[in-house]
Amino acid sequence: MGIKTRKIGSALEKKGFLKKEGGRHTIYYFVVNGKRIGIHTELSRGIKEYSRGLLSAMHKQLKFNNISELEDFIECPLSKDDYIDILKRKNILFW
């Protein structure tokens, strides 16, 4: 079973991603202290629910170690600060 696209988008926005409407996709850029840091993903407007395969691709784009971390991020046990800590540990964020 997948996760509803609307739920993913909502979680991304709540946790610091800036939403930008595109052609077929909505693009989400991660913003820290008012700056885009180069991490982004996109959600297709034509897909109502993201399958395990699509979530696998998304977890890599967002620099999570596995799909479970992405699911925790979407379901809320993982906060924006937790996500920033993950990015710092991976030397993606330096502040």
N, C-alpha and C. Protein backbone atom coordinates (compact mmCIF):
# COMPACT_ATOMS: atom_id res chain seq x y z
N MET A 1 0.84 -1.18 0.00
CA MET A 1 0.00 0.00 0.00
C MET A 1 0.88 1.24 0.00
N GLY A 2 0.48 2.24 -0.71
CA GLY A 2 1.26 3.46 -0.85
C GLY A 2 0.81 4.56 0.09
N ILE A 3 1.28 5.75 -0.20
CA ILE A 3 0.93 6.93 0.59
C ILE A 3 0.30 7.95 -0.35
N LYS A 4 -0.78 8.55 0.09
CA LYS A 4 -1.50 9.53 -0.73
C LYS A 4 -0.61 10.72 -1.06
N THR A 5 -0.66 11.14 -2.31
CA THR A 5 0.15 12.26 -2.80
C THR A 5 -0.12 13.51 -1.99
N ARG A 6 -1.37 13.77 -1.68
CA ARG A 6 -1.75 14.96 -0.91
C ARG A 6 -1.08 14.95 0.47
N LYS A 7 -1.00 13.79 1.09
CA LYS A 7 -0.39 13.68 2.41
C LYS A 7 1.11 13.95 2.33
N ILE A 8 1.76 13.46 1.28
CA ILE A 8 3.20 13.69 1.10
C ILE A 8 3.45 15.19 0.93
N GLY A 9 2.69 15.83 0.06
CA GLY A 9 2.85 17.26 -0.18
C GLY A 9 2.64 18.08 1.08
N SER A 10 1.63 17.73 1.84
CA SER A 10 1.35 18.45 3.08
C SER A 10 2.51 18.31 4.07
N ALA A 11 3.04 17.10 4.20
CA ALA A 11 4.16 16.87 5.12
C ALA A 11 5.40 17.65 4.68
N LEU A 12 5.66 17.67 3.38
CA LEU A 12 6.81 18.41 2.87
C LEU A 12 6.69 19.90 3.20
N GLU A 13 5.52 20.46 2.98
CA GLU A 13 5.32 21.89 3.26
C GLU A 13 5.44 22.19 4.75
N LYS A 14 4.90 21.33 5.60
CA LYS A 14 4.97 21.55 7.05
C LYS A 14 6.40 21.49 7.57
N LYS A 15 7.27 20.78 6.85
CA LYS A 15 8.62 20.56 7.33
C LYS A 15 9.67 21.37 6.58
N GLY A 16 9.23 22.47 5.97
CA GLY A 16 10.20 23.41 5.43
C GLY A 16 10.43 23.38 3.93
N PHE A 17 9.62 22.66 3.19
CA PHE A 17 9.79 22.63 1.75
C PHE A 17 8.91 23.71 1.11
N LEU A 18 9.48 24.37 0.13
CA LEU A 18 8.78 25.40 -0.62
C LEU A 18 8.15 24.75 -1.84
N LYS A 19 6.88 24.99 -2.04
CA LYS A 19 6.12 24.38 -3.13
C LYS A 19 6.15 25.29 -4.35
N LYS A 20 6.44 24.71 -5.52
CA LYS A 20 6.42 25.46 -6.76
C LYS A 20 5.69 24.63 -7.81
N GLU A 21 4.62 25.21 -8.33
CA GLU A 21 3.84 24.51 -9.34
C GLU A 21 4.61 24.48 -10.65
N GLY A 22 4.63 23.33 -11.28
CA GLY A 22 5.29 23.17 -12.57
C GLY A 22 4.27 22.68 -13.59
N GLY A 23 4.73 22.08 -14.65
CA GLY A 23 3.85 21.56 -15.69
C GLY A 23 3.01 20.40 -15.17
N ARG A 24 3.55 19.21 -15.25
CA ARG A 24 2.83 18.02 -14.79
C ARG A 24 3.10 17.71 -13.32
N HIS A 25 4.10 18.37 -12.77
CA HIS A 25 4.53 18.06 -11.41
C HIS A 25 4.54 19.31 -10.53
N THR A 26 4.44 19.06 -9.25
CA THR A 26 4.66 20.10 -8.25
C THR A 26 6.03 19.82 -7.66
N ILE A 27 6.89 20.82 -7.66
CA ILE A 27 8.25 20.65 -7.17
C ILE A 27 8.34 21.23 -5.76
N TYR A 28 9.03 20.51 -4.90
CA TYR A 28 9.22 20.93 -3.51
C TYR A 28 10.72 21.09 -3.25
N TYR A 29 11.13 22.30 -2.84
CA TYR A 29 12.52 22.61 -2.53
C TYR A 29 12.67 22.76 -1.03
N PHE A 30 13.71 22.16 -0.47
CA PHE A 30 13.94 22.30 0.95
C PHE A 30 14.62 23.64 1.22
N VAL A 31 14.07 24.38 2.17
CA VAL A 31 14.56 25.72 2.50
C VAL A 31 14.96 25.76 3.98
N VAL A 32 16.19 26.24 4.23
CA VAL A 32 16.68 26.40 5.59
C VAL A 32 17.18 27.84 5.72
N ASN A 33 16.70 28.53 6.74
CA ASN A 33 17.07 29.93 6.97
C ASN A 33 16.85 30.78 5.72
N GLY A 34 15.77 30.52 5.01
CA GLY A 34 15.41 31.31 3.84
C GLY A 34 16.16 30.96 2.57
N LYS A 35 16.99 29.92 2.60
CA LYS A 35 17.78 29.55 1.43
C LYS A 35 17.46 28.14 0.97
N ARG A 36 17.34 27.98 -0.34
CA ARG A 36 17.22 26.63 -0.91
C ARG A 36 18.59 25.97 -0.77
N ILE A 37 18.59 24.71 -0.36
CA ILE A 37 19.88 24.06 -0.14
C ILE A 37 20.19 22.98 -1.17
N GLY A 38 19.41 22.89 -2.21
CA GLY A 38 19.72 21.94 -3.27
C GLY A 38 18.99 20.61 -3.17
N ILE A 39 18.21 20.41 -2.14
CA ILE A 39 17.44 19.17 -2.02
C ILE A 39 16.02 19.45 -2.49
N HIS A 40 15.57 18.63 -3.40
CA HIS A 40 14.21 18.81 -3.91
C HIS A 40 13.64 17.48 -4.37
N THR A 41 12.35 17.47 -4.50
CA THR A 41 11.64 16.32 -5.06
C THR A 41 10.42 16.86 -5.78
N GLU A 42 9.77 16.00 -6.51
CA GLU A 42 8.56 16.44 -7.20
C GLU A 42 7.47 15.40 -7.05
N LEU A 43 6.25 15.89 -7.05
CA LEU A 43 5.08 15.03 -6.98
C LEU A 43 4.28 15.21 -8.26
N SER A 44 3.90 14.11 -8.84
CA SER A 44 3.09 14.15 -10.05
C SER A 44 1.66 14.49 -9.71
N ARG A 45 1.07 15.36 -10.49
CA ARG A 45 -0.33 15.71 -10.27
C ARG A 45 -1.27 14.60 -10.72
N GLY A 46 -0.77 13.70 -11.54
CA GLY A 46 -1.61 12.63 -12.07
C GLY A 46 -1.64 11.38 -11.22
N ILE A 47 -0.86 11.34 -10.16
CA ILE A 47 -0.80 10.15 -9.29
C ILE A 47 -1.46 10.49 -7.96
N LYS A 48 -2.44 9.70 -7.58
CA LYS A 48 -3.15 9.95 -6.32
C LYS A 48 -2.44 9.30 -5.12
N GLU A 49 -1.69 8.24 -5.38
CA GLU A 49 -1.01 7.53 -4.31
C GLU A 49 0.34 7.04 -4.80
N TYR A 50 1.37 7.27 -3.99
CA TYR A 50 2.72 6.88 -4.36
C TYR A 50 3.01 5.45 -3.89
N SER A 51 3.42 4.62 -4.83
CA SER A 51 3.74 3.22 -4.55
C SER A 51 5.12 3.11 -3.89
N ARG A 52 5.45 1.94 -3.44
CA ARG A 52 6.75 1.68 -2.81
C ARG A 52 7.90 2.05 -3.75
N GLY A 53 7.75 1.76 -5.04
CA GLY A 53 8.79 2.08 -6.01
C GLY A 53 9.04 3.57 -6.13
N LEU A 54 7.97 4.35 -6.18
CA LEU A 54 8.12 5.81 -6.25
C LEU A 54 8.67 6.37 -4.95
N LEU A 55 8.25 5.81 -3.84
CA LEU A 55 8.78 6.24 -2.54
C LEU A 55 10.28 5.92 -2.43
N SER A 56 10.69 4.84 -3.05
CA SER A 56 12.11 4.47 -3.06
C SER A 56 12.93 5.54 -3.77
N ALA A 57 12.44 5.99 -4.90
CA ALA A 57 13.14 7.05 -5.63
C ALA A 57 13.14 8.35 -4.82
N MET A 58 12.03 8.66 -4.18
CA MET A 58 11.91 9.89 -3.41
C MET A 58 12.84 9.89 -2.20
N HIS A 59 12.97 8.76 -1.52
CA HIS A 59 13.83 8.74 -0.33
C HIS A 59 15.27 9.04 -0.71
N LYS A 60 15.68 8.64 -1.89
CA LYS A 60 17.04 8.93 -2.36
C LYS A 60 17.18 10.41 -2.68
N GLN A 61 16.19 11.00 -3.33
CA GLN A 61 16.24 12.43 -3.65
C GLN A 61 16.34 13.28 -2.39
N LEU A 62 15.64 12.85 -1.34
CA LEU A 62 15.59 13.62 -0.10
C LEU A 62 16.71 13.24 0.87
N LYS A 63 17.59 12.33 0.43
CA LYS A 63 18.79 11.93 1.19
C LYS A 63 18.51 11.15 2.47
N PHE A 64 17.37 10.44 2.50
CA PHE A 64 17.11 9.55 3.62
C PHE A 64 17.87 8.25 3.40
N ASN A 65 18.15 7.53 4.49
CA ASN A 65 18.86 6.26 4.39
C ASN A 65 17.98 5.15 3.83
N ASN A 66 16.68 5.25 4.08
CA ASN A 66 15.77 4.19 3.64
C ASN A 66 14.34 4.74 3.55
N ILE A 67 13.46 3.92 3.03
CA ILE A 67 12.06 4.34 2.87
C ILE A 67 11.41 4.56 4.23
N SER A 68 11.81 3.81 5.23
CA SER A 68 11.21 3.95 6.57
C SER A 68 11.42 5.35 7.13
N GLU A 69 12.60 5.93 6.90
CA GLU A 69 12.83 7.31 7.36
C GLU A 69 11.91 8.28 6.63
N LEU A 70 11.74 8.07 5.33
CA LEU A 70 10.82 8.91 4.56
C LEU A 70 9.40 8.78 5.10
N GLU A 71 8.98 7.55 5.37
CA GLU A 71 7.64 7.34 5.92
C GLU A 71 7.48 8.02 7.28
N ASP A 72 8.51 7.96 8.12
CA ASP A 72 8.46 8.65 9.41
C ASP A 72 8.36 10.16 9.21
N PHE A 73 9.06 10.67 8.22
CA PHE A 73 9.01 12.10 7.90
C PHE A 73 7.61 12.50 7.48
N ILE A 74 6.97 11.68 6.68
CA ILE A 74 5.61 11.97 6.20
C ILE A 74 4.59 11.81 7.32
N GLU A 75 4.74 10.78 8.14
CA GLU A 75 3.78 10.48 9.20
C GLU A 75 4.00 11.33 10.45
N CYS A 76 5.08 12.06 10.53
CA CYS A 76 5.39 13.04 11.57
C CYS A 76 6.26 12.61 12.75
N PRO A 77 6.64 11.38 12.97
CA PRO A 77 7.57 11.13 14.07
C PRO A 77 8.93 11.80 13.83
N LEU A 78 9.28 12.05 12.58
CA LEU A 78 10.54 12.70 12.24
C LEU A 78 10.25 14.17 11.93
N SER A 79 10.84 15.05 12.73
CA SER A 79 10.58 16.49 12.58
C SER A 79 11.52 17.14 11.58
N LYS A 80 11.28 18.41 11.31
CA LYS A 80 12.18 19.18 10.45
C LYS A 80 13.57 19.22 11.06
N ASP A 81 13.66 19.43 12.36
CA ASP A 81 14.97 19.46 13.03
C ASP A 81 15.68 18.11 12.93
N ASP A 82 14.92 17.01 13.05
CA ASP A 82 15.51 15.68 12.90
C ASP A 82 16.06 15.52 11.48
N TYR A 83 15.31 16.01 10.50
CA TYR A 83 15.74 15.94 9.10
C TYR A 83 17.02 16.75 8.90
N ILE A 84 17.07 17.93 9.48
CA ILE A 84 18.28 18.75 9.37
C ILE A 84 19.47 18.02 10.00
N ASP A 85 19.25 17.35 11.13
CA ASP A 85 20.32 16.58 11.76
C ASP A 85 20.82 15.46 10.84
N ILE A 86 19.91 14.79 10.15
CA ILE A 86 20.30 13.75 9.20
C ILE A 86 21.19 14.35 8.11
N LEU A 87 20.78 15.49 7.58
CA LEU A 87 21.54 16.14 6.52
C LEU A 87 22.91 16.60 7.02
N LYS A 88 22.99 17.04 8.27
CA LYS A 88 24.28 17.44 8.84
C LYS A 88 25.20 16.24 9.00
N ARG A 89 24.66 15.12 9.48
CA ARG A 89 25.47 13.92 9.64
C ARG A 89 26.02 13.42 8.32
N LYS A 90 25.29 13.67 7.25
CA LYS A 90 25.74 13.26 5.92
C LYS A 90 26.59 14.33 5.23
N ASN A 91 26.90 15.39 5.95
CA ASN A 91 27.68 16.52 5.43
C ASN A 91 27.02 17.18 4.22
N ILE A 92 25.71 17.21 4.23
CA ILE A 92 24.96 17.92 3.19
C ILE A 92 24.68 19.33 3.66
N LEU A 93 24.46 19.48 4.95
CA LEU A 93 24.30 20.79 5.58
C LEU A 93 25.47 21.02 6.51
N PHE A 94 25.97 22.25 6.52
CA PHE A 94 27.14 22.52 7.33
C PHE A 94 26.88 23.53 8.43
N TRP A 95 25.66 23.95 8.66
CA TRP A 95 25.42 24.90 9.74
C TRP A 95 24.44 24.35 10.72
